[in-house]
Amino acid sequence: MELSFPRKLLAGAVAGGIGAAIANPTDVLKVRMQAAAGVAPYRNTWHGFTTILNTEGIAGLYRVLLLDLCFGSIETNYFYLRE
């Protein structure tokens, strides 16, 4: 069964959103480590995750989730429409 065009767009948006939600905590940690400019805020990745969780809670790891959800779904549909 072939999906209609709107359903394919919706499926792409959902897939992109799920991918963004899964990857967002690692992206937040990566950006914080890169923005430190020579001063290492965390000893390693695990220390970074636990520090953020202990100081800011789970919301600290999902700080920019809404933005990532929007761009993740747009990006997924862009690659679909390019084909």
N, C-alpha and C. Protein backbone atom coordinates (compact mmCIF):
# COMPACT_ATOMS: atom_id res chain seq x y z
N MET A 1 0.84 -1.17 0.00
CA MET A 1 0.00 0.00 0.00
C MET A 1 0.89 1.25 0.00
N GLU A 2 0.66 2.10 -0.94
CA GLU A 2 1.42 3.34 -1.06
C GLU A 2 0.76 4.42 -0.20
N LEU A 3 1.56 5.11 0.60
CA LEU A 3 1.05 6.20 1.43
C LEU A 3 0.85 7.45 0.58
N SER A 4 -0.13 8.24 0.97
CA SER A 4 -0.36 9.50 0.28
C SER A 4 0.74 10.49 0.67
N PHE A 5 0.87 11.55 -0.12
CA PHE A 5 1.91 12.54 0.13
C PHE A 5 1.81 13.17 1.52
N PRO A 6 0.62 13.61 1.98
CA PRO A 6 0.54 14.18 3.34
C PRO A 6 0.92 13.18 4.43
N ARG A 7 0.58 11.92 4.24
CA ARG A 7 0.95 10.91 5.25
C ARG A 7 2.46 10.68 5.27
N LYS A 8 3.07 10.74 4.09
CA LYS A 8 4.52 10.61 4.05
C LYS A 8 5.19 11.78 4.76
N LEU A 9 4.66 12.99 4.57
CA LEU A 9 5.20 14.15 5.26
C LEU A 9 5.03 14.02 6.77
N LEU A 10 3.88 13.55 7.20
CA LEU A 10 3.63 13.35 8.62
C LEU A 10 4.57 12.29 9.19
N ALA A 11 4.75 11.20 8.46
CA ALA A 11 5.66 10.15 8.92
C ALA A 11 7.09 10.67 9.02
N GLY A 12 7.51 11.49 8.07
CA GLY A 12 8.84 12.09 8.12
C GLY A 12 8.99 13.03 9.30
N ALA A 13 7.94 13.81 9.57
CA ALA A 13 7.99 14.73 10.70
C ALA A 13 8.07 13.98 12.02
N VAL A 14 7.31 12.91 12.15
CA VAL A 14 7.34 12.11 13.38
C VAL A 14 8.70 11.44 13.55
N ALA A 15 9.22 10.88 12.47
CA ALA A 15 10.53 10.23 12.54
C ALA A 15 11.63 11.23 12.91
N GLY A 16 11.58 12.40 12.30
CA GLY A 16 12.57 13.43 12.62
C GLY A 16 12.45 13.91 14.06
N GLY A 17 11.22 14.03 14.54
CA GLY A 17 11.00 14.45 15.92
C GLY A 17 11.50 13.43 16.92
N ILE A 18 11.27 12.16 16.64
CA ILE A 18 11.75 11.11 17.54
C ILE A 18 13.28 11.09 17.55
N GLY A 19 13.88 11.22 16.38
CA GLY A 19 15.34 11.25 16.31
C GLY A 19 15.92 12.43 17.07
N ALA A 20 15.27 13.58 16.95
CA ALA A 20 15.74 14.77 17.66
C ALA A 20 15.60 14.60 19.17
N ALA A 21 14.51 14.00 19.61
CA ALA A 21 14.30 13.79 21.05
C ALA A 21 15.32 12.83 21.63
N ILE A 22 15.72 11.84 20.85
CA ILE A 22 16.71 10.87 21.33
C ILE A 22 18.10 11.50 21.36
N ALA A 23 18.43 12.29 20.36
CA ALA A 23 19.78 12.84 20.24
C ALA A 23 19.98 14.13 21.04
N ASN A 24 18.91 14.77 21.49
CA ASN A 24 19.02 16.08 22.13
C ASN A 24 19.93 16.11 23.36
N PRO A 25 19.86 15.16 24.29
CA PRO A 25 20.76 15.23 25.46
C PRO A 25 22.24 15.22 25.08
N THR A 26 22.62 14.40 24.11
CA THR A 26 24.02 14.38 23.71
C THR A 26 24.41 15.67 23.01
N ASP A 27 23.48 16.26 22.27
CA ASP A 27 23.75 17.53 21.60
C ASP A 27 23.94 18.66 22.60
N VAL A 28 23.12 18.69 23.64
CA VAL A 28 23.26 19.71 24.69
C VAL A 28 24.63 19.59 25.35
N LEU A 29 25.03 18.38 25.69
CA LEU A 29 26.33 18.16 26.32
C LEU A 29 27.48 18.55 25.39
N LYS A 30 27.37 18.18 24.12
CA LYS A 30 28.41 18.52 23.14
C LYS A 30 28.58 20.03 23.02
N VAL A 31 27.48 20.74 22.92
CA VAL A 31 27.56 22.20 22.79
C VAL A 31 28.17 22.83 24.03
N ARG A 32 27.79 22.35 25.19
CA ARG A 32 28.37 22.90 26.43
C ARG A 32 29.86 22.64 26.53
N MET A 33 30.29 21.46 26.10
CA MET A 33 31.71 21.15 26.15
C MET A 33 32.48 21.98 25.12
N GLN A 34 31.91 22.22 23.97
CA GLN A 34 32.58 23.01 22.94
C GLN A 34 32.62 24.49 23.32
N ALA A 35 31.60 24.97 24.00
CA ALA A 35 31.52 26.39 24.35
C ALA A 35 32.40 26.76 25.54
N ALA A 36 33.02 25.79 26.18
CA ALA A 36 33.80 26.05 27.38
C ALA A 36 35.10 26.79 27.09
N ALA A 37 35.54 26.87 25.86
CA ALA A 37 36.71 27.65 25.43
C ALA A 37 37.96 27.40 26.28
N GLY A 38 38.45 26.18 26.24
CA GLY A 38 39.71 25.87 26.92
C GLY A 38 39.58 25.41 28.35
N VAL A 39 38.49 25.72 29.02
CA VAL A 39 38.27 25.29 30.40
C VAL A 39 37.30 24.11 30.37
N ALA A 40 37.78 22.94 30.75
CA ALA A 40 36.95 21.74 30.69
C ALA A 40 35.93 21.73 31.83
N PRO A 41 34.63 21.88 31.52
CA PRO A 41 33.63 21.88 32.58
C PRO A 41 33.35 20.48 33.14
N TYR A 42 33.68 19.46 32.35
CA TYR A 42 33.41 18.08 32.75
C TYR A 42 34.66 17.24 32.47
N ARG A 43 34.87 16.23 33.30
CA ARG A 43 36.03 15.35 33.11
C ARG A 43 35.86 14.46 31.89
N ASN A 44 34.64 13.99 31.67
CA ASN A 44 34.33 13.13 30.53
C ASN A 44 32.83 13.20 30.26
N THR A 45 32.37 12.43 29.31
CA THR A 45 30.96 12.49 28.91
C THR A 45 30.05 12.07 30.06
N TRP A 46 30.38 10.98 30.71
CA TRP A 46 29.53 10.51 31.81
C TRP A 46 29.45 11.55 32.93
N HIS A 47 30.57 12.15 33.27
CA HIS A 47 30.58 13.19 34.29
C HIS A 47 29.71 14.37 33.87
N GLY A 48 29.74 14.72 32.58
CA GLY A 48 28.90 15.80 32.07
C GLY A 48 27.42 15.49 32.22
N PHE A 49 27.02 14.29 31.84
CA PHE A 49 25.61 13.90 31.97
C PHE A 49 25.16 13.92 33.43
N THR A 50 25.95 13.34 34.30
CA THR A 50 25.54 13.27 35.71
C THR A 50 25.54 14.65 36.36
N THR A 51 26.49 15.50 35.98
CA THR A 51 26.51 16.86 36.54
C THR A 51 25.28 17.65 36.12
N ILE A 52 24.93 17.57 34.84
CA ILE A 52 23.73 18.28 34.36
C ILE A 52 22.48 17.73 35.04
N LEU A 53 22.37 16.41 35.16
CA LEU A 53 21.21 15.82 35.81
C LEU A 53 21.11 16.23 37.28
N ASN A 54 22.24 16.26 37.98
CA ASN A 54 22.22 16.61 39.41
C ASN A 54 21.96 18.09 39.65
N THR A 55 22.43 18.95 38.75
CA THR A 55 22.27 20.39 38.98
C THR A 55 21.00 20.96 38.36
N GLU A 56 20.60 20.46 37.19
CA GLU A 56 19.45 21.03 36.48
C GLU A 56 18.28 20.07 36.31
N GLY A 57 18.51 18.81 36.61
CA GLY A 57 17.45 17.83 36.41
C GLY A 57 17.37 17.41 34.94
N ILE A 58 16.36 16.61 34.64
CA ILE A 58 16.19 16.10 33.28
C ILE A 58 15.92 17.23 32.29
N ALA A 59 15.33 18.34 32.77
CA ALA A 59 15.05 19.47 31.89
C ALA A 59 16.33 20.10 31.35
N GLY A 60 17.43 19.98 32.08
CA GLY A 60 18.70 20.51 31.61
C GLY A 60 19.21 19.82 30.36
N LEU A 61 18.91 18.53 30.23
CA LEU A 61 19.34 17.79 29.04
C LEU A 61 18.42 18.04 27.85
N TYR A 62 17.22 18.53 28.11
CA TYR A 62 16.26 18.78 27.03
C TYR A 62 15.97 20.27 26.89
N ARG A 63 16.97 21.10 27.14
CA ARG A 63 16.78 22.55 27.14
C ARG A 63 16.31 23.09 25.80
N VAL A 64 16.81 22.61 24.69
CA VAL A 64 16.45 23.14 23.37
C VAL A 64 15.67 22.12 22.55
N LEU A 65 14.90 21.29 23.22
CA LEU A 65 14.19 20.22 22.53
C LEU A 65 13.20 20.75 21.50
N LEU A 66 12.46 21.79 21.83
CA LEU A 66 11.46 22.30 20.89
C LEU A 66 12.10 22.73 19.58
N LEU A 67 13.21 23.41 19.67
CA LEU A 67 13.93 23.83 18.47
C LEU A 67 14.42 22.63 17.68
N ASP A 68 14.98 21.64 18.37
CA ASP A 68 15.45 20.44 17.69
C ASP A 68 14.31 19.65 17.07
N LEU A 69 13.15 19.62 17.72
CA LEU A 69 12.00 18.93 17.14
C LEU A 69 11.58 19.58 15.83
N CYS A 70 11.54 20.89 15.82
CA CYS A 70 11.16 21.60 14.59
C CYS A 70 12.15 21.32 13.47
N PHE A 71 13.43 21.51 13.74
CA PHE A 71 14.43 21.31 12.70
C PHE A 71 14.60 19.84 12.33
N GLY A 72 14.45 18.94 13.28
CA GLY A 72 14.57 17.52 12.98
C GLY A 72 13.49 17.05 12.03
N SER A 73 12.26 17.49 12.23
CA SER A 73 11.18 17.08 11.34
C SER A 73 11.31 17.75 9.98
N ILE A 74 11.73 19.00 9.95
CA ILE A 74 11.93 19.69 8.67
C ILE A 74 13.06 19.04 7.88
N GLU A 75 14.14 18.72 8.57
CA GLU A 75 15.29 18.11 7.90
C GLU A 75 14.93 16.75 7.31
N THR A 76 14.19 15.94 8.05
CA THR A 76 13.80 14.63 7.56
C THR A 76 12.93 14.76 6.31
N ASN A 77 11.98 15.68 6.33
CA ASN A 77 11.13 15.85 5.16
C ASN A 77 11.90 16.45 3.98
N TYR A 78 12.88 17.27 4.25
CA TYR A 78 13.70 17.82 3.18
C TYR A 78 14.40 16.70 2.42
N PHE A 79 14.99 15.75 3.15
CA PHE A 79 15.68 14.65 2.48
C PHE A 79 14.69 13.75 1.75
N TYR A 80 13.50 13.61 2.26
CA TYR A 80 12.48 12.83 1.57
C TYR A 80 12.07 13.52 0.27
N LEU A 81 11.85 14.82 0.33
CA LEU A 81 11.37 15.54 -0.85
C LEU A 81 12.46 15.67 -1.92
N ARG A 82 13.72 15.59 -1.51
CA ARG A 82 14.81 15.66 -2.49
C ARG A 82 14.85 14.47 -3.41
N GLU A 83 14.36 13.34 -2.96
CA GLU A 83 14.45 12.11 -3.78
C GLU A 83 13.55 12.13 -4.96
